[in-house]
Amino acid sequence: MKKELWKDKKLWAGLNNPDLKNEEADIVIFGIPYDGSVSFRSGAKDAPDALREITYSISPTTEDFESFAELKLKDLGNIEGSSRDDIFEEAKAVTTQLVNDNNFFIMIGGDHSTTIPVQRGVDAGLSETFGIIHIDAHFDLCEDMGGDKLSHGSTERRALELENVKGIENIFFLGIRSIESDEIDFFEENSVQVLSAKEISKIGINETLERVKKQLGHLNKIYLTLDIDCLDPAYAAGTGTPQFGGLTSRELLGILEGLFELPIIGMDIVEVAPGLDPSLTSLFAARKLVTEVCGFLKKAKSP
């Protein structure tokens, strides 16, 4: 990223206002360009910078032909450090403050391990139970991967250790179509709330949303984490561990629209690896997801 690009007011469809106080912003965006916890292909560290670079040319409008130009948006830049511990500590602190200030935020990863400190920050910033919606090709419920308990495959296993998550019943998995060998026992011994990509294709978007809302609708706070490999590789090839048979772009957009009828307090988009796909399908998918989420938030603010 060019030095202090995040301060450019032309970013994010011209809505970026780095001079805003955090508490004045409708949306706060920050990046965690870290992919040192992957088990296969790297490249997700490049996503925050690359995504900013393709937000100059778009208008603040949605696919429903509606403007969200009135939203106040602030980009905090990237969280970086000399070690993973330093990065994760800072990410947790930033997230905790955003939650304390009731800021809706979007974190751009990074591999899926970058969600771990963000969810820890959400936990530290709340004094009530919160839910997690995990949209992904993978459960990320491994106790560790290669001895690493902070791997990108251990995201929700670490979430289960958080004080305010309370248990597996407060996590809902969508789009899953892969399971690791050391996740099988956990899956068989626990009531994991999941709709696979195959099931979603069969039951449709409306039924999918009804089941999620039935399970998590009693909660006042929900965090949403979205791994771009939830999409079929036909729609998002640039990612470290693509899995055939995923969600379509239309399914994902429809599901997200319905999920934002729930009290989503923040989200992330992770595992976008621009260098793994010359056509940048994953990067442009992430851009579309951000703009549509802006539209969902604008609708929620409208009287």
C-alpha atoms as a PDB file:
ATOM      1  CA  MET A   1       0.000   0.000   0.000  1.00  0.00           C
ATOM      2  CA  LYS A   2       1.225   3.461  -0.770  1.00  0.00           C
ATOM      3  CA  LYS A   3       2.216   5.246   2.411  1.00  0.00           C
ATOM      4  CA  GLU A   4      -0.900   6.333   4.294  1.00  0.00           C
ATOM      5  CA  LEU A   5      -3.191   5.456   1.377  1.00  0.00           C
ATOM      6  CA  TRP A   6      -5.874   4.792   3.957  1.00  0.00           C
ATOM      7  CA  LYS A   7      -6.066   8.546   4.524  1.00  0.00           C
ATOM      8  CA  ASP A   8      -7.147   9.131   0.906  1.00  0.00           C
ATOM      9  CA  LYS A   9     -10.682  10.485   0.837  1.00  0.00           C
ATOM     10  CA  LYS A  10     -11.275   8.958  -2.585  1.00  0.00           C
ATOM     11  CA  LEU A  11     -11.195   5.454  -1.139  1.00  0.00           C
ATOM     12  CA  TRP A  12     -14.317   3.390  -0.547  1.00  0.00           C
ATOM     13  CA  ALA A  13     -16.361   5.052  -3.310  1.00  0.00           C
ATOM     14  CA  GLY A  14     -15.257   8.469  -2.108  1.00  0.00           C
ATOM     15  CA  LEU A  15     -16.751   8.045   1.362  1.00  0.00           C
ATOM     16  CA  ASN A  16     -13.568   7.671   3.385  1.00  0.00           C
ATOM     17  CA  ASN A  17     -13.189  10.438   5.937  1.00  0.00           C
ATOM     18  CA  PRO A  18     -10.042   9.860   7.985  1.00  0.00           C
ATOM     19  CA  ASP A  19     -10.722  13.029   9.985  1.00  0.00           C
ATOM     20  CA  LEU A  20     -13.885  11.608  11.535  1.00  0.00           C
ATOM     21  CA  LYS A  21     -13.823  10.605  15.156  1.00  0.00           C
ATOM     22  CA  ASN A  22     -14.460   6.875  15.398  1.00  0.00           C
ATOM     23  CA  GLU A  23     -17.667   7.383  17.329  1.00  0.00           C
ATOM     24  CA  GLU A  24     -19.021   9.597  14.548  1.00  0.00           C
ATOM     25  CA  ALA A  25     -18.592   6.950  11.853  1.00  0.00           C
ATOM     26  CA  ASP A  26     -21.360   4.663  10.638  1.00  0.00           C
ATOM     27  CA  ILE A  27     -18.743   2.208   9.409  1.00  0.00           C
ATOM     28  CA  VAL A  28     -15.134   1.763  10.472  1.00  0.00           C
ATOM     29  CA  ILE A  29     -12.832  -0.307   8.266  1.00  0.00           C
ATOM     30  CA  PHE A  30      -9.409  -1.681   9.116  1.00  0.00           C
ATOM     31  CA  GLY A  31      -7.079  -4.262   7.634  1.00  0.00           C
ATOM     32  CA  ILE A  32      -4.935  -7.012   9.100  1.00  0.00           C
ATOM     33  CA  PRO A  33      -2.454  -7.926   6.339  1.00  0.00           C
ATOM     34  CA  TYR A  34      -1.225 -11.126   7.962  1.00  0.00           C
ATOM     35  CA  ASP A  35      -1.227 -14.649   6.514  1.00  0.00           C
ATOM     36  CA  GLY A  36       1.425 -16.391   8.566  1.00  0.00           C
ATOM     37  CA  SER A  37      -1.020 -18.942   9.997  1.00  0.00           C
ATOM     38  CA  VAL A  38      -2.063 -20.674   6.783  1.00  0.00           C
ATOM     39  CA  SER A  39      -1.762 -24.408   6.274  1.00  0.00           C
ATOM     40  CA  PHE A  40      -1.484 -24.285   2.486  1.00  0.00           C
ATOM     41  CA  ARG A  41      -1.136 -21.308   0.090  1.00  0.00           C
ATOM     42  CA  SER A  42      -0.375 -17.785   1.269  1.00  0.00           C
ATOM     43  CA  GLY A  43      -1.234 -14.433  -0.299  1.00  0.00           C
ATOM     44  CA  ALA A  44      -4.124 -13.167   1.835  1.00  0.00           C
ATOM     45  CA  LYS A  45      -1.825 -10.584   3.417  1.00  0.00           C
ATOM     46  CA  ASP A  46      -2.130  -8.573   0.217  1.00  0.00           C
ATOM     47  CA  ALA A  47      -5.906  -8.221   0.345  1.00  0.00           C
ATOM     48  CA  PRO A  48      -6.413  -5.080   2.488  1.00  0.00           C
ATOM     49  CA  ASP A  49      -4.145  -2.956   0.305  1.00  0.00           C
ATOM     50  CA  ALA A  50      -5.355  -4.451  -2.966  1.00  0.00           C
ATOM     51  CA  LEU A  51      -8.995  -4.000  -2.015  1.00  0.00           C
ATOM     52  CA  ARG A  52      -8.522  -0.336  -1.180  1.00  0.00           C
ATOM     53  CA  GLU A  53      -6.896   0.166  -4.576  1.00  0.00           C
ATOM     54  CA  ILE A  54     -10.054  -0.899  -6.442  1.00  0.00           C
ATOM     55  CA  THR A  55     -12.496   1.270  -4.507  1.00  0.00           C
ATOM     56  CA  TYR A  56     -11.593   4.508  -6.291  1.00  0.00           C
ATOM     57  CA  SER A  57     -13.620   3.779  -9.401  1.00  0.00           C
ATOM     58  CA  ILE A  58     -16.976   2.791  -7.899  1.00  0.00           C
ATOM     59  CA  SER A  59     -20.021   4.795  -6.900  1.00  0.00           C
ATOM     60  CA  PRO A  60     -21.635   4.543  -3.449  1.00  0.00           C
ATOM     61  CA  THR A  61     -24.596   2.557  -4.807  1.00  0.00           C
ATOM     62  CA  THR A  62     -26.020  -0.942  -4.487  1.00  0.00           C
ATOM     63  CA  GLU A  63     -27.367  -3.541  -6.878  1.00  0.00           C
ATOM     64  CA  ASP A  64     -30.864  -2.297  -5.968  1.00  0.00           C
ATOM     65  CA  PHE A  65     -29.898   1.054  -7.552  1.00  0.00           C
ATOM     66  CA  GLU A  66     -29.890   2.808  -4.178  1.00  0.00           C
ATOM     67  CA  SER A  67     -27.304   5.260  -2.857  1.00  0.00           C
ATOM     68  CA  PHE A  68     -25.524   4.963   0.470  1.00  0.00           C
ATOM     69  CA  ALA A  69     -23.584   8.192  -0.039  1.00  0.00           C
ATOM     70  CA  GLU A  70     -24.906   9.593   3.232  1.00  0.00           C
ATOM     71  CA  LEU A  71     -23.016   7.012   5.287  1.00  0.00           C
ATOM     72  CA  LYS A  72     -20.019   8.211   7.271  1.00  0.00           C
ATOM     73  CA  LEU A  73     -17.060   5.903   6.736  1.00  0.00           C
ATOM     74  CA  LYS A  74     -13.609   5.894   8.264  1.00  0.00           C
ATOM     75  CA  ASP A  75     -10.644   3.717   7.294  1.00  0.00           C
ATOM     76  CA  LEU A  76      -8.247   3.195  10.194  1.00  0.00           C
ATOM     77  CA  GLY A  77      -5.550   1.680   8.006  1.00  0.00           C
ATOM     78  CA  ASN A  78      -3.743  -1.583   8.680  1.00  0.00           C
ATOM     79  CA  ILE A  79      -2.801  -3.249  11.931  1.00  0.00           C
ATOM     80  CA  GLU A  80       0.787  -4.411  11.573  1.00  0.00           C
ATOM     81  CA  GLY A  81       3.604  -5.431  13.867  1.00  0.00           C
ATOM     82  CA  SER A  82       6.872  -7.265  14.197  1.00  0.00           C
ATOM     83  CA  SER A  83       5.216 -10.499  15.341  1.00  0.00           C
ATOM     84  CA  ARG A  84       1.872 -12.251  15.307  1.00  0.00           C
ATOM     85  CA  ASP A  85       1.505 -11.656  19.033  1.00  0.00           C
ATOM     86  CA  ASP A  86       1.937  -7.912  18.537  1.00  0.00           C
ATOM     87  CA  ILE A  87      -0.528  -7.812  15.642  1.00  0.00           C
ATOM     88  CA  PHE A  88      -3.149  -9.853  17.469  1.00  0.00           C
ATOM     89  CA  GLU A  89      -2.806  -7.819  20.667  1.00  0.00           C
ATOM     90  CA  GLU A  90      -3.339  -4.573  18.757  1.00  0.00           C
ATOM     91  CA  ALA A  91      -6.242  -6.028  16.758  1.00  0.00           C
ATOM     92  CA  LYS A  92      -7.975  -7.097  19.943  1.00  0.00           C
ATOM     93  CA  ALA A  93      -7.511  -3.655  21.506  1.00  0.00           C
ATOM     94  CA  VAL A  94      -8.809  -1.825  18.419  1.00  0.00           C
ATOM     95  CA  THR A  95     -11.854  -4.089  18.210  1.00  0.00           C
ATOM     96  CA  THR A  96     -12.635  -3.756  21.902  1.00  0.00           C
ATOM     97  CA  GLN A  97     -12.683   0.018  21.584  1.00  0.00           C
ATOM     98  CA  LEU A  98     -14.912  -0.087  18.505  1.00  0.00           C
ATOM     99  CA  VAL A  99     -17.373  -2.356  20.281  1.00  0.00           C
ATOM    100  CA  ASN A 100     -17.326  -0.103  23.356  1.00  0.00           C
ATOM    101  CA  ASP A 101     -18.133   2.853  21.088  1.00  0.00           C
ATOM    102  CA  ASN A 102     -20.934   0.926  19.327  1.00  0.00           C
ATOM    103  CA  ASN A 103     -19.182   1.270  15.967  1.00  0.00           C
ATOM    104  CA  PHE A 104     -20.111  -1.118  13.195  1.00  0.00           C
ATOM    105  CA  PHE A 105     -16.829  -2.289  11.686  1.00  0.00           C
ATOM    106  CA  ILE A 106     -15.467  -4.361   8.820  1.00  0.00           C
ATOM    107  CA  MET A 107     -12.085  -6.035   9.155  1.00  0.00           C
ATOM    108  CA  ILE A 108     -10.315  -7.045   5.952  1.00  0.00           C
ATOM    109  CA  GLY A 109      -7.902  -9.957   6.409  1.00  0.00           C
ATOM    110  CA  GLY A 110      -5.527 -11.634   6.154  1.00  0.00           C
ATOM    111  CA  ASP A 111      -5.979 -15.342   6.645  1.00  0.00           C
ATOM    112  CA  HIS A 112      -8.763 -16.574   8.888  1.00  0.00           C
ATOM    113  CA  SER A 113      -6.548 -16.537  11.966  1.00  0.00           C
ATOM    114  CA  THR A 114      -6.934 -12.746  11.938  1.00  0.00           C
ATOM    115  CA  THR A 115     -10.519 -13.267  13.047  1.00  0.00           C
ATOM    116  CA  ILE A 116      -9.317 -14.749  16.342  1.00  0.00           C
ATOM    117  CA  PRO A 117      -8.132 -11.469  17.945  1.00  0.00           C
ATOM    118  CA  VAL A 118     -11.125  -9.609  16.528  1.00  0.00           C
ATOM    119  CA  GLN A 119     -13.553 -12.039  18.144  1.00  0.00           C
ATOM    120  CA  ARG A 120     -11.553 -11.754  21.345  1.00  0.00           C
ATOM    121  CA  GLY A 121     -11.967  -7.994  21.098  1.00  0.00           C
ATOM    122  CA  VAL A 122     -15.714  -8.352  20.623  1.00  0.00           C
ATOM    123  CA  ASP A 123     -15.800 -10.592  23.694  1.00  0.00           C
ATOM    124  CA  ALA A 124     -13.825  -8.083  25.778  1.00  0.00           C
ATOM    125  CA  GLY A 125     -16.054  -5.215  24.664  1.00  0.00           C
ATOM    126  CA  LEU A 126     -19.325  -6.909  25.597  1.00  0.00           C
ATOM    127  CA  SER A 127     -20.904  -7.935  28.863  1.00  0.00           C
ATOM    128  CA  GLU A 128     -23.525 -10.200  27.317  1.00  0.00           C
ATOM    129  CA  THR A 129     -23.715 -13.343  25.232  1.00  0.00           C
ATOM    130  CA  PHE A 130     -23.066 -12.866  21.540  1.00  0.00           C
ATOM    131  CA  GLY A 131     -23.427 -15.106  18.531  1.00  0.00           C
ATOM    132  CA  ILE A 132     -21.163 -15.833  15.597  1.00  0.00           C
ATOM    133  CA  ILE A 133     -22.188 -16.565  12.028  1.00  0.00           C
ATOM    134  CA  HIS A 134     -19.350 -18.354  10.245  1.00  0.00           C
ATOM    135  CA  ILE A 135     -19.684 -18.391   6.444  1.00  0.00           C
ATOM    136  CA  ASP A 136     -16.957 -20.575   5.024  1.00  0.00           C
ATOM    137  CA  ALA A 137     -16.069 -23.759   3.170  1.00  0.00           C
ATOM    138  CA  HIS A 138     -14.493 -25.011   6.408  1.00  0.00           C
ATOM    139  CA  PHE A 139     -15.539 -25.305  10.051  1.00  0.00           C
ATOM    140  CA  ASP A 140     -12.221 -23.996  11.430  1.00  0.00           C
ATOM    141  CA  LEU A 141     -12.832 -26.070  14.550  1.00  0.00           C
ATOM    142  CA  CYS A 142      -9.417 -27.725  14.752  1.00  0.00           C
ATOM    143  CA  GLU A 143      -7.842 -27.693  18.191  1.00  0.00           C
ATOM    144  CA  ASP A 144      -4.631 -26.893  16.354  1.00  0.00           C
ATOM    145  CA  MET A 145      -3.018 -27.314  12.955  1.00  0.00           C
ATOM    146  CA  GLY A 146       0.537 -28.573  13.056  1.00  0.00           C
ATOM    147  CA  GLY A 147       0.692 -27.595  16.720  1.00  0.00           C
ATOM    148  CA  ASP A 148      -0.494 -24.034  16.057  1.00  0.00           C
ATOM    149  CA  LYS A 149      -3.579 -23.211  18.133  1.00  0.00           C
ATOM    150  CA  LEU A 150      -3.914 -19.847  16.396  1.00  0.00           C
ATOM    151  CA  SER A 151      -4.022 -21.273  12.892  1.00  0.00           C
ATOM    152  CA  HIS A 152      -6.554 -20.280  10.262  1.00  0.00           C
ATOM    153  CA  GLY A 153      -8.200 -23.657  10.866  1.00  0.00           C
ATOM    154  CA  SER A 154      -8.758 -23.016  14.589  1.00  0.00           C
ATOM    155  CA  THR A 155     -10.782 -19.805  14.466  1.00  0.00           C
ATOM    156  CA  GLU A 156     -14.014 -21.050  16.000  1.00  0.00           C
ATOM    157  CA  ARG A 157     -12.336 -23.514  18.345  1.00  0.00           C
ATOM    158  CA  ARG A 158     -10.731 -20.476  19.963  1.00  0.00           C
ATOM    159  CA  ALA A 159     -14.092 -18.677  19.908  1.00  0.00           C
ATOM    160  CA  LEU A 160     -15.531 -21.439  22.072  1.00  0.00           C
ATOM    161  CA  GLU A 161     -13.085 -20.357  24.783  1.00  0.00           C
ATOM    162  CA  LEU A 162     -14.549 -16.853  24.932  1.00  0.00           C
ATOM    163  CA  GLU A 163     -16.534 -15.911  28.024  1.00  0.00           C
ATOM    164  CA  ASN A 164     -19.495 -14.443  26.150  1.00  0.00           C
ATOM    165  CA  VAL A 165     -19.907 -17.010  23.392  1.00  0.00           C
ATOM    166  CA  LYS A 166     -21.048 -19.548  25.983  1.00  0.00           C
ATOM    167  CA  GLY A 167     -21.168 -22.589  23.700  1.00  0.00           C
ATOM    168  CA  ILE A 168     -21.381 -24.142  20.262  1.00  0.00           C
ATOM    169  CA  GLU A 169     -25.114 -23.417  20.151  1.00  0.00           C
ATOM    170  CA  ASN A 170     -24.304 -19.730  19.642  1.00  0.00           C
ATOM    171  CA  ILE A 171     -22.256 -20.330  16.496  1.00  0.00           C
ATOM    172  CA  PHE A 172     -23.961 -21.019  13.157  1.00  0.00           C
ATOM    173  CA  PHE A 173     -21.958 -22.342  10.206  1.00  0.00           C
ATOM    174  CA  LEU A 174     -23.026 -21.698   6.612  1.00  0.00           C
ATOM    175  CA  GLY A 175     -21.619 -22.953   3.325  1.00  0.00           C
ATOM    176  CA  ILE A 176     -19.433 -25.692   4.830  1.00  0.00           C
ATOM    177  CA  ARG A 177     -18.338 -28.515   2.529  1.00  0.00           C
ATOM    178  CA  SER A 178     -15.158 -29.836   4.097  1.00  0.00           C
ATOM    179  CA  ILE A 179     -14.130 -31.302   7.435  1.00  0.00           C
ATOM    180  CA  GLU A 180     -10.695 -32.055   8.844  1.00  0.00           C
ATOM    181  CA  SER A 181      -9.972 -35.463  10.347  1.00  0.00           C
ATOM    182  CA  ASP A 182      -9.445 -34.012  13.819  1.00  0.00           C
ATOM    183  CA  GLU A 183     -12.756 -32.127  13.625  1.00  0.00           C
ATOM    184  CA  ILE A 184     -14.844 -35.269  13.141  1.00  0.00           C
ATOM    185  CA  ASP A 185     -14.947 -36.316  16.800  1.00  0.00           C
ATOM    186  CA  PHE A 186     -15.920 -32.791  17.855  1.00  0.00           C
ATOM    187  CA  PHE A 187     -18.633 -32.692  15.188  1.00  0.00           C
ATOM    188  CA  GLU A 188     -20.072 -36.043  16.249  1.00  0.00           C
ATOM    189  CA  GLU A 189     -19.996 -35.223  19.964  1.00  0.00           C
ATOM    190  CA  ASN A 190     -21.515 -31.726  19.755  1.00  0.00           C
ATOM    191  CA  SER A 191     -24.696 -30.216  18.329  1.00  0.00           C
ATOM    192  CA  VAL A 192     -23.038 -28.101  15.660  1.00  0.00           C
ATOM    193  CA  GLN A 193     -25.477 -25.760  13.934  1.00  0.00           C
ATOM    194  CA  VAL A 194     -24.601 -26.002  10.256  1.00  0.00           C
ATOM    195  CA  LEU A 195     -26.097 -25.708   6.811  1.00  0.00           C
ATOM    196  CA  SER A 196     -23.676 -26.952   4.202  1.00  0.00           C
ATOM    197  CA  ALA A 197     -23.454 -25.465   0.743  1.00  0.00           C
ATOM    198  CA  LYS A 198     -25.200 -28.592  -0.523  1.00  0.00           C
ATOM    199  CA  GLU A 199     -28.074 -28.159   1.940  1.00  0.00           C
ATOM    200  CA  ILE A 200     -28.427 -24.449   1.170  1.00  0.00           C
ATOM    201  CA  SER A 201     -28.687 -25.272  -2.520  1.00  0.00           C
ATOM    202  CA  LYS A 202     -31.521 -27.694  -1.734  1.00  0.00           C
ATOM    203  CA  ILE A 203     -33.563 -25.669   0.757  1.00  0.00           C
ATOM    204  CA  GLY A 204     -32.990 -22.185  -0.649  1.00  0.00           C
ATOM    205  CA  ILE A 205     -32.159 -18.808   0.818  1.00  0.00           C
ATOM    206  CA  ASN A 206     -35.418 -18.171   2.692  1.00  0.00           C
ATOM    207  CA  GLU A 207     -35.340 -21.450   4.600  1.00  0.00           C
ATOM    208  CA  THR A 208     -31.652 -20.952   5.334  1.00  0.00           C
ATOM    209  CA  LEU A 209     -32.369 -17.568   6.894  1.00  0.00           C
ATOM    210  CA  GLU A 210     -35.293 -18.907   8.897  1.00  0.00           C
ATOM    211  CA  ARG A 211     -33.099 -21.582  10.472  1.00  0.00           C
ATOM    212  CA  VAL A 212     -30.331 -19.126  11.363  1.00  0.00           C
ATOM    213  CA  LYS A 213     -32.806 -16.668  12.867  1.00  0.00           C
ATOM    214  CA  LYS A 214     -34.511 -19.427  14.840  1.00  0.00           C
ATOM    215  CA  GLN A 215     -31.186 -20.406  16.389  1.00  0.00           C
ATOM    216  CA  LEU A 216     -29.626 -16.979  16.971  1.00  0.00           C
ATOM    217  CA  GLY A 217     -32.600 -14.614  16.910  1.00  0.00           C
ATOM    218  CA  HIS A 218     -32.736 -14.321  20.699  1.00  0.00           C
ATOM    219  CA  LEU A 219     -29.306 -12.653  20.818  1.00  0.00           C
ATOM    220  CA  ASN A 220     -28.782  -8.884  20.848  1.00  0.00           C
ATOM    221  CA  LYS A 221     -25.272  -8.994  19.373  1.00  0.00           C
ATOM    222  CA  ILE A 222     -23.938 -11.120  16.509  1.00  0.00           C
ATOM    223  CA  TYR A 223     -20.555 -11.132  14.798  1.00  0.00           C
ATOM    224  CA  LEU A 224     -20.239 -12.300  11.195  1.00  0.00           C
ATOM    225  CA  THR A 225     -17.067 -13.781   9.757  1.00  0.00           C
ATOM    226  CA  LEU A 226     -16.891 -14.484   6.040  1.00  0.00           C
ATOM    227  CA  ASP A 227     -14.179 -16.525   4.389  1.00  0.00           C
ATOM    228  CA  ILE A 228     -14.224 -15.795   0.659  1.00  0.00           C
ATOM    229  CA  ASP A 229     -13.849 -19.523  -0.019  1.00  0.00           C
ATOM    230  CA  CYS A 230     -17.480 -19.920   1.008  1.00  0.00           C
ATOM    231  CA  LEU A 231     -18.041 -19.069  -2.651  1.00  0.00           C
ATOM    232  CA  ASP A 232     -17.479 -21.699  -5.288  1.00  0.00           C
ATOM    233  CA  PRO A 233     -14.086 -21.203  -6.974  1.00  0.00           C
ATOM    234  CA  ALA A 234     -15.960 -20.275 -10.133  1.00  0.00           C
ATOM    235  CA  TYR A 235     -16.894 -17.029  -8.346  1.00  0.00           C
ATOM    236  CA  ALA A 236     -13.785 -16.551  -6.181  1.00  0.00           C
ATOM    237  CA  ALA A 237     -10.704 -18.389  -7.381  1.00  0.00           C
ATOM    238  CA  GLY A 238      -8.115 -16.287  -5.574  1.00  0.00           C
ATOM    239  CA  THR A 239      -8.015 -17.917  -2.163  1.00  0.00           C
ATOM    240  CA  GLY A 240      -5.660 -20.244  -0.350  1.00  0.00           C
ATOM    241  CA  THR A 241      -7.851 -23.327   0.057  1.00  0.00           C
ATOM    242  CA  PRO A 242     -10.665 -23.289  -2.545  1.00  0.00           C
ATOM    243  CA  GLN A 243     -13.314 -25.993  -2.331  1.00  0.00           C
ATOM    244  CA  PHE A 244     -15.461 -27.071  -5.270  1.00  0.00           C
ATOM    245  CA  GLY A 245     -19.258 -27.023  -4.817  1.00  0.00           C
ATOM    246  CA  GLY A 246     -19.627 -23.760  -2.936  1.00  0.00           C
ATOM    247  CA  LEU A 247     -22.209 -21.025  -2.673  1.00  0.00           C
ATOM    248  CA  THR A 248     -23.069 -19.025  -5.755  1.00  0.00           C
ATOM    249  CA  SER A 249     -22.617 -15.277  -5.709  1.00  0.00           C
ATOM    250  CA  ARG A 250     -26.396 -14.866  -5.849  1.00  0.00           C
ATOM    251  CA  GLU A 251     -26.906 -17.175  -2.869  1.00  0.00           C
ATOM    252  CA  LEU A 252     -24.307 -15.348  -0.797  1.00  0.00           C
ATOM    253  CA  LEU A 253     -25.716 -11.892  -1.510  1.00  0.00           C
ATOM    254  CA  GLY A 254     -29.234 -13.075  -0.693  1.00  0.00           C
ATOM    255  CA  ILE A 255     -28.120 -14.709   2.541  1.00  0.00           C
ATOM    256  CA  LEU A 256     -26.196 -11.617   3.629  1.00  0.00           C
ATOM    257  CA  GLU A 257     -29.165  -9.349   2.968  1.00  0.00           C
ATOM    258  CA  GLY A 258     -31.339 -11.473   5.223  1.00  0.00           C
ATOM    259  CA  LEU A 259     -28.692 -11.821   7.917  1.00  0.00           C
ATOM    260  CA  PHE A 260     -28.491  -8.059   8.239  1.00  0.00           C
ATOM    261  CA  GLU A 261     -32.017  -8.148   9.633  1.00  0.00           C
ATOM    262  CA  LEU A 262     -30.255  -9.553  12.705  1.00  0.00           C
ATOM    263  CA  PRO A 263     -28.228  -7.343  15.097  1.00  0.00           C
ATOM    264  CA  ILE A 264     -24.874  -7.703  13.330  1.00  0.00           C
ATOM    265  CA  ILE A 265     -22.337  -5.505  15.148  1.00  0.00           C
ATOM    266  CA  GLY A 266     -19.336  -6.160  12.945  1.00  0.00           C
ATOM    267  CA  MET A 267     -17.877  -8.498  10.372  1.00  0.00           C
ATOM    268  CA  ASP A 268     -14.784  -9.530   8.522  1.00  0.00           C
ATOM    269  CA  ILE A 269     -13.874 -10.717   5.041  1.00  0.00           C
ATOM    270  CA  VAL A 270     -10.832 -12.973   5.018  1.00  0.00           C
ATOM    271  CA  GLU A 271      -8.717 -15.309   2.876  1.00  0.00           C
ATOM    272  CA  VAL A 272      -8.832 -13.159  -0.266  1.00  0.00           C
ATOM    273  CA  ALA A 273      -5.508 -13.821  -2.010  1.00  0.00           C
ATOM    274  CA  PRO A 274      -5.193 -11.519  -5.041  1.00  0.00           C
ATOM    275  CA  GLY A 275      -1.956 -13.067  -6.271  1.00  0.00           C
ATOM    276  CA  LEU A 276      -3.551 -16.498  -6.707  1.00  0.00           C
ATOM    277  CA  ASP A 277      -5.953 -15.328  -9.410  1.00  0.00           C
ATOM    278  CA  PRO A 278      -4.881 -13.012 -12.253  1.00  0.00           C
ATOM    279  CA  SER A 279      -8.521 -12.051 -12.944  1.00  0.00           C
ATOM    280  CA  LEU A 280      -8.948 -10.961  -9.284  1.00  0.00           C
ATOM    281  CA  THR A 281     -12.387 -12.589  -8.938  1.00  0.00           C
ATOM    282  CA  SER A 282     -12.071 -12.920  -5.163  1.00  0.00           C
ATOM    283  CA  LEU A 283     -10.965  -9.320  -4.775  1.00  0.00           C
ATOM    284  CA  PHE A 284     -13.865  -7.967  -6.795  1.00  0.00           C
ATOM    285  CA  ALA A 285     -16.234 -10.279  -4.908  1.00  0.00           C
ATOM    286  CA  ALA A 286     -14.982  -8.785  -1.638  1.00  0.00           C
ATOM    287  CA  ARG A 287     -15.518  -5.274  -2.985  1.00  0.00           C
ATOM    288  CA  LYS A 288     -19.091  -6.147  -3.926  1.00  0.00           C
ATOM    289  CA  LEU A 289     -19.736  -7.599  -0.483  1.00  0.00           C
ATOM    290  CA  VAL A 290     -18.494  -4.419   1.211  1.00  0.00           C
ATOM    291  CA  THR A 291     -20.653  -2.155  -0.960  1.00  0.00           C
ATOM    292  CA  GLU A 292     -23.769  -4.258  -0.458  1.00  0.00           C
ATOM    293  CA  VAL A 293     -23.200  -4.344   3.308  1.00  0.00           C
ATOM    294  CA  CYS A 294     -23.013  -0.550   3.196  1.00  0.00           C
ATOM    295  CA  GLY A 295     -26.406  -0.613   1.530  1.00  0.00           C
ATOM    296  CA  PHE A 296     -27.843  -2.936   4.163  1.00  0.00           C
ATOM    297  CA  LEU A 297     -26.607  -0.610   6.901  1.00  0.00           C
ATOM    298  CA  LYS A 298     -28.038   2.421   5.141  1.00  0.00           C
ATOM    299  CA  LYS A 299     -31.451   0.718   4.971  1.00  0.00           C
ATOM    300  CA  ALA A 300     -31.230  -0.124   8.671  1.00  0.00           C
ATOM    301  CA  LYS A 301     -30.616   3.557   9.482  1.00  0.00           C
ATOM    302  CA  SER A 302     -33.500   4.786   7.332  1.00  0.00           C
ATOM    303  CA  PRO A 303     -36.707   5.667   9.206  1.00  0.00           C
END
